Structure formats: C-alpha cells, structure tokens
Full PDB file with SEQRES, HELIX, SHEET, SSBOND, CRYST1, ORIGX, SCALE, CONECT and MASTER records, all heavy atoms in Angstrom:
SEQRES   1 A   34  PRO LEU PHE PRO LEU ILE ALA PHE LEU ILE LEU LEU ALA          
SEQRES   2 A   34  GLY ARG ASN ALA PHE SER GLN ASN THR ALA ALA TRP VAL          
SEQRES   3 A   34  GLY SER VAL ALA ALA LEU LEU SER                              
HELIX    1 AA1 LEU A    2  ALA A   13  1                                  12    
HELIX    2 AA2 GLN A   20  LEU A   33  1                                  14    
CRYST1    1.000    1.000    1.000  90.00  90.00  90.00 P 1           1          
ORIGX1      1.000000  0.000000  0.000000        0.00000                         
ORIGX2      0.000000  1.000000  0.000000        0.00000                         
ORIGX3      0.000000  0.000000  1.000000        0.00000                         
SCALE1      1.000000  0.000000  0.000000        0.00000                         
SCALE2      0.000000  1.000000  0.000000        0.00000                         
SCALE3      0.000000  0.000000  1.000000        0.00000                         
ATOM      1  N   PRO A   1      -7.176 -21.604 144.445  1.00  0.00           N  
ATOM      2  CA  PRO A   1      -7.072 -22.422 145.667  1.00  0.00           C  
ATOM      3  C   PRO A   1      -5.635 -22.616 146.147  1.00  0.00           C  
ATOM      4  O   PRO A   1      -5.435 -23.015 147.307  1.00  0.00           O  
ATOM      5  CB  PRO A   1      -7.677 -23.770 145.244  1.00  0.00           C  
ATOM      6  CG  PRO A   1      -8.365 -23.525 143.951  1.00  0.00           C  
ATOM      7  CD  PRO A   1      -7.648 -22.399 143.302  1.00  0.00           C  
ATOM      8  N   LEU A   2      -4.659 -22.371 145.290  1.00  0.00           N  
ATOM      9  CA  LEU A   2      -3.267 -22.641 145.669  1.00  0.00           C  
ATOM     10  C   LEU A   2      -2.751 -21.688 146.737  1.00  0.00           C  
ATOM     11  O   LEU A   2      -1.901 -22.068 147.548  1.00  0.00           O  
ATOM     12  CB  LEU A   2      -2.360 -22.583 144.438  1.00  0.00           C  
ATOM     13  CG  LEU A   2      -2.578 -23.668 143.378  1.00  0.00           C  
ATOM     14  CD1 LEU A   2      -1.509 -23.561 142.299  1.00  0.00           C  
ATOM     15  CD2 LEU A   2      -2.561 -25.058 144.008  1.00  0.00           C  
ATOM     16  N   PHE A   3      -3.228 -20.446 146.744  1.00  0.00           N  
ATOM     17  CA  PHE A   3      -2.735 -19.476 147.736  1.00  0.00           C  
ATOM     18  C   PHE A   3      -3.004 -19.946 149.167  1.00  0.00           C  
ATOM     19  O   PHE A   3      -2.074 -19.992 149.986  1.00  0.00           O  
ATOM     20  CB  PHE A   3      -3.361 -18.101 147.481  1.00  0.00           C  
ATOM     21  CG  PHE A   3      -2.941 -17.467 146.189  1.00  0.00           C  
ATOM     22  CD1 PHE A   3      -3.874 -17.134 145.231  1.00  0.00           C  
ATOM     23  CD2 PHE A   3      -1.596 -17.206 145.923  1.00  0.00           C  
ATOM     24  CE1 PHE A   3      -3.494 -16.552 144.035  1.00  0.00           C  
ATOM     25  CE2 PHE A   3      -1.203 -16.620 144.725  1.00  0.00           C  
ATOM     26  CZ  PHE A   3      -2.158 -16.301 143.778  1.00  0.00           C  
ATOM     27  N   PRO A   4      -4.238 -20.312 149.532  1.00  0.00           N  
ATOM     28  CA  PRO A   4      -4.444 -20.818 150.901  1.00  0.00           C  
ATOM     29  C   PRO A   4      -3.759 -22.147 151.154  1.00  0.00           C  
ATOM     30  O   PRO A   4      -3.370 -22.433 152.294  1.00  0.00           O  
ATOM     31  CB  PRO A   4      -5.971 -20.945 151.009  1.00  0.00           C  
ATOM     32  CG  PRO A   4      -6.481 -20.963 149.625  1.00  0.00           C  
ATOM     33  CD  PRO A   4      -5.524 -20.157 148.813  1.00  0.00           C  
ATOM     34  N   LEU A   5      -3.580 -22.974 150.109  1.00  0.00           N  
ATOM     35  CA  LEU A   5      -2.861 -24.233 150.300  1.00  0.00           C  
ATOM     36  C   LEU A   5      -1.405 -23.971 150.653  1.00  0.00           C  
ATOM     37  O   LEU A   5      -0.840 -24.613 151.559  1.00  0.00           O  
ATOM     38  CB  LEU A   5      -2.954 -25.087 149.033  1.00  0.00           C  
ATOM     39  CG  LEU A   5      -2.173 -26.405 149.071  1.00  0.00           C  
ATOM     40  CD1 LEU A   5      -2.717 -27.324 150.175  1.00  0.00           C  
ATOM     41  CD2 LEU A   5      -2.237 -27.103 147.713  1.00  0.00           C  
ATOM     42  N   ILE A   6      -0.791 -23.024 149.961  1.00  0.00           N  
ATOM     43  CA  ILE A   6       0.603 -22.668 150.266  1.00  0.00           C  
ATOM     44  C   ILE A   6       0.707 -22.103 151.678  1.00  0.00           C  
ATOM     45  O   ILE A   6       1.638 -22.416 152.428  1.00  0.00           O  
ATOM     46  CB  ILE A   6       1.125 -21.651 149.224  1.00  0.00           C  
ATOM     47  CG1 ILE A   6       1.243 -22.326 147.850  1.00  0.00           C  
ATOM     48  CG2 ILE A   6       2.475 -21.080 149.648  1.00  0.00           C  
ATOM     49  CD1 ILE A   6       1.515 -21.372 146.715  1.00  0.00           C  
ATOM     50  N   ALA A   7      -0.265 -21.274 152.063  1.00  0.00           N  
ATOM     51  CA  ALA A   7      -0.279 -20.735 153.427  1.00  0.00           C  
ATOM     52  C   ALA A   7      -0.372 -21.857 154.453  1.00  0.00           C  
ATOM     53  O   ALA A   7       0.312 -21.833 155.488  1.00  0.00           O  
ATOM     54  CB  ALA A   7      -1.448 -19.762 153.589  1.00  0.00           C  
ATOM     55  N   PHE A   8      -1.216 -22.849 154.163  1.00  0.00           N  
ATOM     56  CA  PHE A   8      -1.345 -23.995 155.061  1.00  0.00           C  
ATOM     57  C   PHE A   8      -0.003 -24.710 155.236  1.00  0.00           C  
ATOM     58  O   PHE A   8       0.410 -25.017 156.367  1.00  0.00           O  
ATOM     59  CB  PHE A   8      -2.392 -24.964 154.503  1.00  0.00           C  
ATOM     60  CG  PHE A   8      -2.333 -26.351 155.078  1.00  0.00           C  
ATOM     61  CD1 PHE A   8      -2.749 -26.603 156.375  1.00  0.00           C  
ATOM     62  CD2 PHE A   8      -1.849 -27.408 154.318  1.00  0.00           C  
ATOM     63  CE1 PHE A   8      -2.697 -27.885 156.904  1.00  0.00           C  
ATOM     64  CE2 PHE A   8      -1.785 -28.689 154.835  1.00  0.00           C  
ATOM     65  CZ  PHE A   8      -2.208 -28.931 156.133  1.00  0.00           C  
ATOM     66  N   LEU A   9       0.690 -24.961 154.139  1.00  0.00           N  
ATOM     67  CA  LEU A   9       1.966 -25.669 154.207  1.00  0.00           C  
ATOM     68  C   LEU A   9       3.018 -24.852 154.960  1.00  0.00           C  
ATOM     69  O   LEU A   9       3.769 -25.389 155.786  1.00  0.00           O  
ATOM     70  CB  LEU A   9       2.459 -25.993 152.788  1.00  0.00           C  
ATOM     71  CG  LEU A   9       1.565 -26.955 151.985  1.00  0.00           C  
ATOM     72  CD1 LEU A   9       2.062 -27.071 150.553  1.00  0.00           C  
ATOM     73  CD2 LEU A   9       1.500 -28.317 152.652  1.00  0.00           C  
ATOM     74  N   ILE A  10       3.069 -23.545 154.694  1.00  0.00           N  
ATOM     75  CA  ILE A  10       4.038 -22.679 155.369  1.00  0.00           C  
ATOM     76  C   ILE A  10       3.761 -22.632 156.863  1.00  0.00           C  
ATOM     77  O   ILE A  10       4.669 -22.783 157.696  1.00  0.00           O  
ATOM     78  CB  ILE A  10       4.008 -21.266 154.762  1.00  0.00           C  
ATOM     79  CG1 ILE A  10       4.537 -21.284 153.327  1.00  0.00           C  
ATOM     80  CG2 ILE A  10       4.828 -20.296 155.619  1.00  0.00           C  
ATOM     81  CD1 ILE A  10       4.383 -19.969 152.605  1.00  0.00           C  
ATOM     82  N   LEU A  11       2.500 -22.421 157.226  1.00  0.00           N  
ATOM     83  CA  LEU A  11       2.140 -22.292 158.635  1.00  0.00           C  
ATOM     84  C   LEU A  11       2.322 -23.598 159.391  1.00  0.00           C  
ATOM     85  O   LEU A  11       2.719 -23.597 160.568  1.00  0.00           O  
ATOM     86  CB  LEU A  11       0.691 -21.813 158.751  1.00  0.00           C  
ATOM     87  CG  LEU A  11       0.454 -20.363 158.316  1.00  0.00           C  
ATOM     88  CD1 LEU A  11      -1.038 -20.094 158.173  1.00  0.00           C  
ATOM     89  CD2 LEU A  11       1.067 -19.399 159.320  1.00  0.00           C  
ATOM     90  N   LEU A  12       2.031 -24.703 158.725  1.00  0.00           N  
ATOM     91  CA  LEU A  12       2.196 -25.993 159.392  1.00  0.00           C  
ATOM     92  C   LEU A  12       3.674 -26.303 159.610  1.00  0.00           C  
ATOM     93  O   LEU A  12       4.058 -26.815 160.666  1.00  0.00           O  
ATOM     94  CB  LEU A  12       1.537 -27.100 158.559  1.00  0.00           C  
ATOM     95  CG  LEU A  12       1.162 -28.384 159.311  1.00  0.00           C  
ATOM     96  CD1 LEU A  12       0.135 -28.079 160.400  1.00  0.00           C  
ATOM     97  CD2 LEU A  12       0.627 -29.426 158.355  1.00  0.00           C  
ATOM     98  N   ALA A  13       4.492 -25.974 158.604  1.00  0.00           N  
ATOM     99  CA  ALA A  13       5.935 -26.242 158.733  1.00  0.00           C  
ATOM    100  C   ALA A  13       6.574 -25.343 159.789  1.00  0.00           C  
ATOM    101  O   ALA A  13       7.490 -25.770 160.503  1.00  0.00           O  
ATOM    102  CB  ALA A  13       6.618 -26.035 157.381  1.00  0.00           C  
ATOM    103  N   GLY A  14       6.105 -24.094 159.899  1.00  0.00           N  
ATOM    104  CA  GLY A  14       6.718 -23.162 160.842  1.00  0.00           C  
ATOM    105  C   GLY A  14       5.851 -22.846 162.037  1.00  0.00           C  
ATOM    106  O   GLY A  14       5.940 -21.747 162.603  1.00  0.00           O  
ATOM    107  N   ARG A  15       5.025 -23.797 162.425  1.00  0.00           N  
ATOM    108  CA  ARG A  15       4.048 -23.522 163.489  1.00  0.00           C  
ATOM    109  C   ARG A  15       4.699 -23.163 164.817  1.00  0.00           C  
ATOM    110  O   ARG A  15       4.098 -22.456 165.627  1.00  0.00           O  
ATOM    111  CB  ARG A  15       3.117 -24.713 163.674  1.00  0.00           C  
ATOM    112  CG  ARG A  15       3.800 -26.002 164.086  1.00  0.00           C  
ATOM    113  CD  ARG A  15       2.805 -27.174 164.075  1.00  0.00           C  
ATOM    114  NE  ARG A  15       3.414 -28.434 164.472  1.00  0.00           N  
ATOM    115  CZ  ARG A  15       4.099 -29.201 163.663  1.00  0.00           C  
ATOM    116  NH1 ARG A  15       4.276 -28.841 162.410  1.00  0.00           N  
ATOM    117  NH2 ARG A  15       4.623 -30.346 164.090  1.00  0.00           N  
ATOM    118  N   ASN A  16       5.929 -23.643 165.044  1.00  0.00           N  
ATOM    119  CA  ASN A  16       6.601 -23.333 166.307  1.00  0.00           C  
ATOM    120  C   ASN A  16       7.509 -22.119 166.197  1.00  0.00           C  
ATOM    121  O   ASN A  16       8.046 -21.650 167.201  1.00  0.00           O  
ATOM    122  CB  ASN A  16       7.427 -24.541 166.770  1.00  0.00           C  
ATOM    123  CG  ASN A  16       6.558 -25.746 167.075  1.00  0.00           C  
ATOM    124  OD1 ASN A  16       5.458 -25.600 167.611  1.00  0.00           O  
ATOM    125  ND2 ASN A  16       7.033 -26.937 166.732  1.00  0.00           N  
ATOM    126  N   ALA A  17       7.692 -21.622 164.973  1.00  0.00           N  
ATOM    127  CA  ALA A  17       8.611 -20.506 164.760  1.00  0.00           C  
ATOM    128  C   ALA A  17       7.884 -19.187 164.561  1.00  0.00           C  
ATOM    129  O   ALA A  17       8.419 -18.123 164.890  1.00  0.00           O  
ATOM    130  CB  ALA A  17       9.504 -20.789 163.542  1.00  0.00           C  
ATOM    131  N   PHE A  18       6.661 -19.222 164.018  1.00  0.00           N  
ATOM    132  CA  PHE A  18       5.942 -17.992 163.703  1.00  0.00           C  
ATOM    133  C   PHE A  18       5.279 -17.397 164.942  1.00  0.00           C  
ATOM    134  O   PHE A  18       4.732 -18.119 165.775  1.00  0.00           O  
ATOM    135  CB  PHE A  18       4.873 -18.243 162.644  1.00  0.00           C  
ATOM    136  CG  PHE A  18       5.422 -18.563 161.287  1.00  0.00           C  
ATOM    137  CD1 PHE A  18       4.797 -19.500 160.476  1.00  0.00           C  
ATOM    138  CD2 PHE A  18       6.562 -17.941 160.814  1.00  0.00           C  
ATOM    139  CE1 PHE A  18       5.291 -19.793 159.219  1.00  0.00           C  
ATOM    140  CE2 PHE A  18       7.063 -18.220 159.566  1.00  0.00           C  
ATOM    141  CZ  PHE A  18       6.439 -19.155 158.765  1.00  0.00           C  
ATOM    142  N   SER A  19       5.338 -16.082 165.025  1.00  0.00           N  
ATOM    143  CA  SER A  19       4.577 -15.392 166.061  1.00  0.00           C  
ATOM    144  C   SER A  19       3.109 -15.340 165.655  1.00  0.00           C  
ATOM    145  O   SER A  19       2.749 -15.655 164.513  1.00  0.00           O  
ATOM    146  CB  SER A  19       5.117 -13.968 166.250  1.00  0.00           C  
ATOM    147  OG  SER A  19       4.867 -13.196 165.072  1.00  0.00           O  
ATOM    148  N   GLN A  20       2.251 -14.909 166.565  1.00  0.00           N  
ATOM    149  CA  GLN A  20       0.825 -14.824 166.253  1.00  0.00           C  
ATOM    150  C   GLN A  20       0.562 -13.831 165.128  1.00  0.00           C  
ATOM    151  O   GLN A  20      -0.246 -14.097 164.229  1.00  0.00           O  
ATOM    152  CB  GLN A  20       0.057 -14.417 167.513  1.00  0.00           C  
ATOM    153  CG  GLN A  20       0.089 -15.475 168.609  1.00  0.00           C  
ATOM    154  CD  GLN A  20      -0.768 -15.108 169.795  1.00  0.00           C  
ATOM    155  OE1 GLN A  20      -1.492 -14.121 169.781  1.00  0.00           O  
ATOM    156  NE2 GLN A  20      -0.695 -15.901 170.852  1.00  0.00           N  
ATOM    157  N   ASN A  21       1.247 -12.687 165.172  1.00  0.00           N  
ATOM    158  CA  ASN A  21       1.052 -11.691 164.116  1.00  0.00           C  
ATOM    159  C   ASN A  21       1.512 -12.207 162.764  1.00  0.00           C  
ATOM    160  O   ASN A  21       0.866 -11.970 161.739  1.00  0.00           O  
ATOM    161  CB  ASN A  21       1.796 -10.401 164.464  1.00  0.00           C  
ATOM    162  CG  ASN A  21       1.118  -9.637 165.588  1.00  0.00           C  
ATOM    163  OD1 ASN A  21      -0.077  -9.795 165.819  1.00  0.00           O  
ATOM    164  ND2 ASN A  21       1.886  -8.816 166.282  1.00  0.00           N  
ATOM    165  N   THR A  22       2.635 -12.921 162.737  1.00  0.00           N  
ATOM    166  CA  THR A  22       3.142 -13.464 161.477  1.00  0.00           C  
ATOM    167  C   THR A  22       2.167 -14.478 160.888  1.00  0.00           C  
ATOM    168  O   THR A  22       1.882 -14.467 159.684  1.00  0.00           O  
ATOM    169  CB  THR A  22       4.514 -14.122 161.685  1.00  0.00           C  
ATOM    170  OG1 THR A  22       5.422 -13.164 162.236  1.00  0.00           O  
ATOM    171  CG2 THR A  22       5.080 -14.635 160.369  1.00  0.00           C  
ATOM    172  N   ALA A  23       1.659 -15.354 161.750  1.00  0.00           N  
ATOM    173  CA  ALA A  23       0.692 -16.344 161.278  1.00  0.00           C  
ATOM    174  C   ALA A  23      -0.554 -15.671 160.704  1.00  0.00           C  
ATOM    175  O   ALA A  23      -1.075 -16.074 159.656  1.00  0.00           O  
ATOM    176  CB  ALA A  23       0.300 -17.279 162.427  1.00  0.00           C  
ATOM    177  N   ALA A  24      -1.022 -14.622 161.385  1.00  0.00           N  
ATOM    178  CA  ALA A  24      -2.199 -13.900 160.908  1.00  0.00           C  
ATOM    179  C   ALA A  24      -1.915 -13.239 159.554  1.00  0.00           C  
ATOM    180  O   ALA A  24      -2.773 -13.255 158.652  1.00  0.00           O  
ATOM    181  CB  ALA A  24      -2.627 -12.851 161.930  1.00  0.00           C  
ATOM    182  N   TRP A  25      -0.730 -12.689 159.396  1.00  0.00           N  
ATOM    183  CA  TRP A  25      -0.375 -12.050 158.120  1.00  0.00           C  
ATOM    184  C   TRP A  25      -0.289 -13.075 156.991  1.00  0.00           C  
ATOM    185  O   TRP A  25      -0.801 -12.833 155.887  1.00  0.00           O  
ATOM    186  CB  TRP A  25       0.957 -11.309 158.262  1.00  0.00           C  
ATOM    187  CG  TRP A  25       0.804  -9.898 158.727  1.00  0.00           C  
ATOM    188  CD1 TRP A  25       0.987  -9.408 159.989  1.00  0.00           C  
ATOM    189  CD2 TRP A  25       0.409  -8.783 157.926  1.00  0.00           C  
ATOM    190  NE1 TRP A  25       0.726  -8.070 160.048  1.00  0.00           N  
ATOM    191  CE2 TRP A  25       0.378  -7.652 158.784  1.00  0.00           C  
ATOM    192  CE3 TRP A  25       0.065  -8.623 156.593  1.00  0.00           C  
ATOM    193  CZ2 TRP A  25       0.026  -6.383 158.324  1.00  0.00           C  
ATOM    194  CZ3 TRP A  25      -0.284  -7.350 156.138  1.00  0.00           C  
ATOM    195  CH2 TRP A  25      -0.299  -6.266 156.994  1.00  0.00           C  
ATOM    196  N   VAL A  26       0.329 -14.199 157.257  1.00  0.00           N  
ATOM    197  CA  VAL A  26       0.473 -15.225 156.214  1.00  0.00           C  
ATOM    198  C   VAL A  26      -0.902 -15.703 155.753  1.00  0.00           C  
ATOM    199  O   VAL A  26      -1.201 -15.759 154.547  1.00  0.00           O  
ATOM    200  CB  VAL A  26       1.313 -16.413 156.723  1.00  0.00           C  
ATOM    201  CG1 VAL A  26       1.272 -17.570 155.727  1.00  0.00           C  
ATOM    202  CG2 VAL A  26       2.760 -15.983 156.949  1.00  0.00           C  
ATOM    203  N   GLY A  27      -1.769 -16.045 156.701  1.00  0.00           N  
ATOM    204  CA  GLY A  27      -3.102 -16.531 156.345  1.00  0.00           C  
ATOM    205  C   GLY A  27      -3.938 -15.473 155.647  1.00  0.00           C  
ATOM    206  O   GLY A  27      -4.611 -15.752 154.640  1.00  0.00           O  
ATOM    207  N   SER A  28      -3.893 -14.238 156.149  1.00  0.00           N  
ATOM    208  CA  SER A  28      -4.721 -13.173 155.588  1.00  0.00           C  
ATOM    209  C   SER A  28      -4.260 -12.762 154.198  1.00  0.00           C  
ATOM    210  O   SER A  28      -5.090 -12.518 153.302  1.00  0.00           O  
ATOM    211  CB  SER A  28      -4.712 -11.958 156.521  1.00  0.00           C  
ATOM    212  OG  SER A  28      -5.219 -12.296 157.801  1.00  0.00           O  
ATOM    213  N   VAL A  29      -2.941 -12.672 153.986  1.00  0.00           N  
ATOM    214  CA  VAL A  29      -2.427 -12.288 152.670  1.00  0.00           C  
ATOM    215  C   VAL A  29      -2.773 -13.351 151.631  1.00  0.00           C  
ATOM    216  O   VAL A  29      -3.159 -13.036 150.498  1.00  0.00           O  
ATOM    217  CB  VAL A  29      -0.905 -12.054 152.733  1.00  0.00           C  
ATOM    218  CG1 VAL A  29      -0.311 -11.931 151.329  1.00  0.00           C  
ATOM    219  CG2 VAL A  29      -0.598 -10.795 153.535  1.00  0.00           C  
ATOM    220  N   ALA A  30      -2.664 -14.628 152.008  1.00  0.00           N  
ATOM    221  CA  ALA A  30      -3.026 -15.700 151.076  1.00  0.00           C  
ATOM    222  C   ALA A  30      -4.498 -15.606 150.696  1.00  0.00           C  
ATOM    223  O   ALA A  30      -4.862 -15.740 149.514  1.00  0.00           O  
ATOM    224  CB  ALA A  30      -2.727 -17.059 151.711  1.00  0.00           C  
ATOM    225  N   ALA A  31      -5.360 -15.363 151.683  1.00  0.00           N  
ATOM    226  CA  ALA A  31      -6.795 -15.221 151.394  1.00  0.00           C  
ATOM    227  C   ALA A  31      -7.057 -13.986 150.535  1.00  0.00           C  
ATOM    228  O   ALA A  31      -7.928 -14.005 149.648  1.00  0.00           O  
ATOM    229  CB  ALA A  31      -7.585 -15.133 152.697  1.00  0.00           C  
ATOM    230  N   LEU A  32      -6.312 -12.908 150.766  1.00  0.00           N  
ATOM    231  CA  LEU A  32      -6.479 -11.695 149.963  1.00  0.00           C  
ATOM    232  C   LEU A  32      -6.082 -11.941 148.503  1.00  0.00           C  
ATOM    233  O   LEU A  32      -6.743 -11.449 147.584  1.00  0.00           O  
ATOM    234  CB  LEU A  32      -5.643 -10.563 150.549  1.00  0.00           C  
ATOM    235  CG  LEU A  32      -5.718  -9.212 149.826  1.00  0.00           C  
ATOM    236  CD1 LEU A  32      -7.155  -8.689 149.821  1.00  0.00           C  
ATOM    237  CD2 LEU A  32      -4.775  -8.205 150.483  1.00  0.00           C  
ATOM    238  N   LEU A  33      -5.010 -12.699 148.286  1.00  0.00           N  
ATOM    239  CA  LEU A  33      -4.600 -13.028 146.913  1.00  0.00           C  
ATOM    240  C   LEU A  33      -5.678 -13.856 146.217  1.00  0.00           C  
ATOM    241  O   LEU A  33      -5.972 -13.643 145.030  1.00  0.00           O  
ATOM    242  CB  LEU A  33      -3.272 -13.777 146.933  1.00  0.00           C  
ATOM    243  CG  LEU A  33      -2.046 -12.953 147.361  1.00  0.00           C  
ATOM    244  CD1 LEU A  33      -0.829 -13.856 147.529  1.00  0.00           C  
ATOM    245  CD2 LEU A  33      -1.753 -11.859 146.336  1.00  0.00           C  
ATOM    246  N   SER A  34      -6.277 -14.796 146.949  1.00  0.00           N  
ATOM    247  CA  SER A  34      -7.383 -15.573 146.372  1.00  0.00           C  
ATOM    248  C   SER A  34      -8.568 -14.681 146.065  1.00  0.00           C  
ATOM    249  O   SER A  34      -9.241 -14.838 145.032  1.00  0.00           O  
ATOM    250  CB  SER A  34      -7.807 -16.688 147.338  1.00  0.00           C  
ATOM    251  OG  SER A  34      -6.815 -17.681 147.438  1.00  0.00           O  
TER     252      SER A  34                                                      
MASTER        0    0    0    2    0    0    0    6  251    1    0    3          
END                                                                             
C-alpha cells in the first residue's frame, strides 16, 4: 500500500508543477510497483 500512498503525497505536493503526462507516469508506476 505504500507505493500509491507515496504517489499521492508526491502528486499532491507538486500538483501545480507536474504536467499531465508526469502525473500519469507517477500514478501508473506506483500502481505497477504495487
């Protein structure tokens, strides 16, 4: 469960800095690790 939790924290902290593709990669890679 920690992988998607870390993705949540990263995406929430950088919500104004990440592009759409970056956000999709962060979320998808975390889910893939889980």
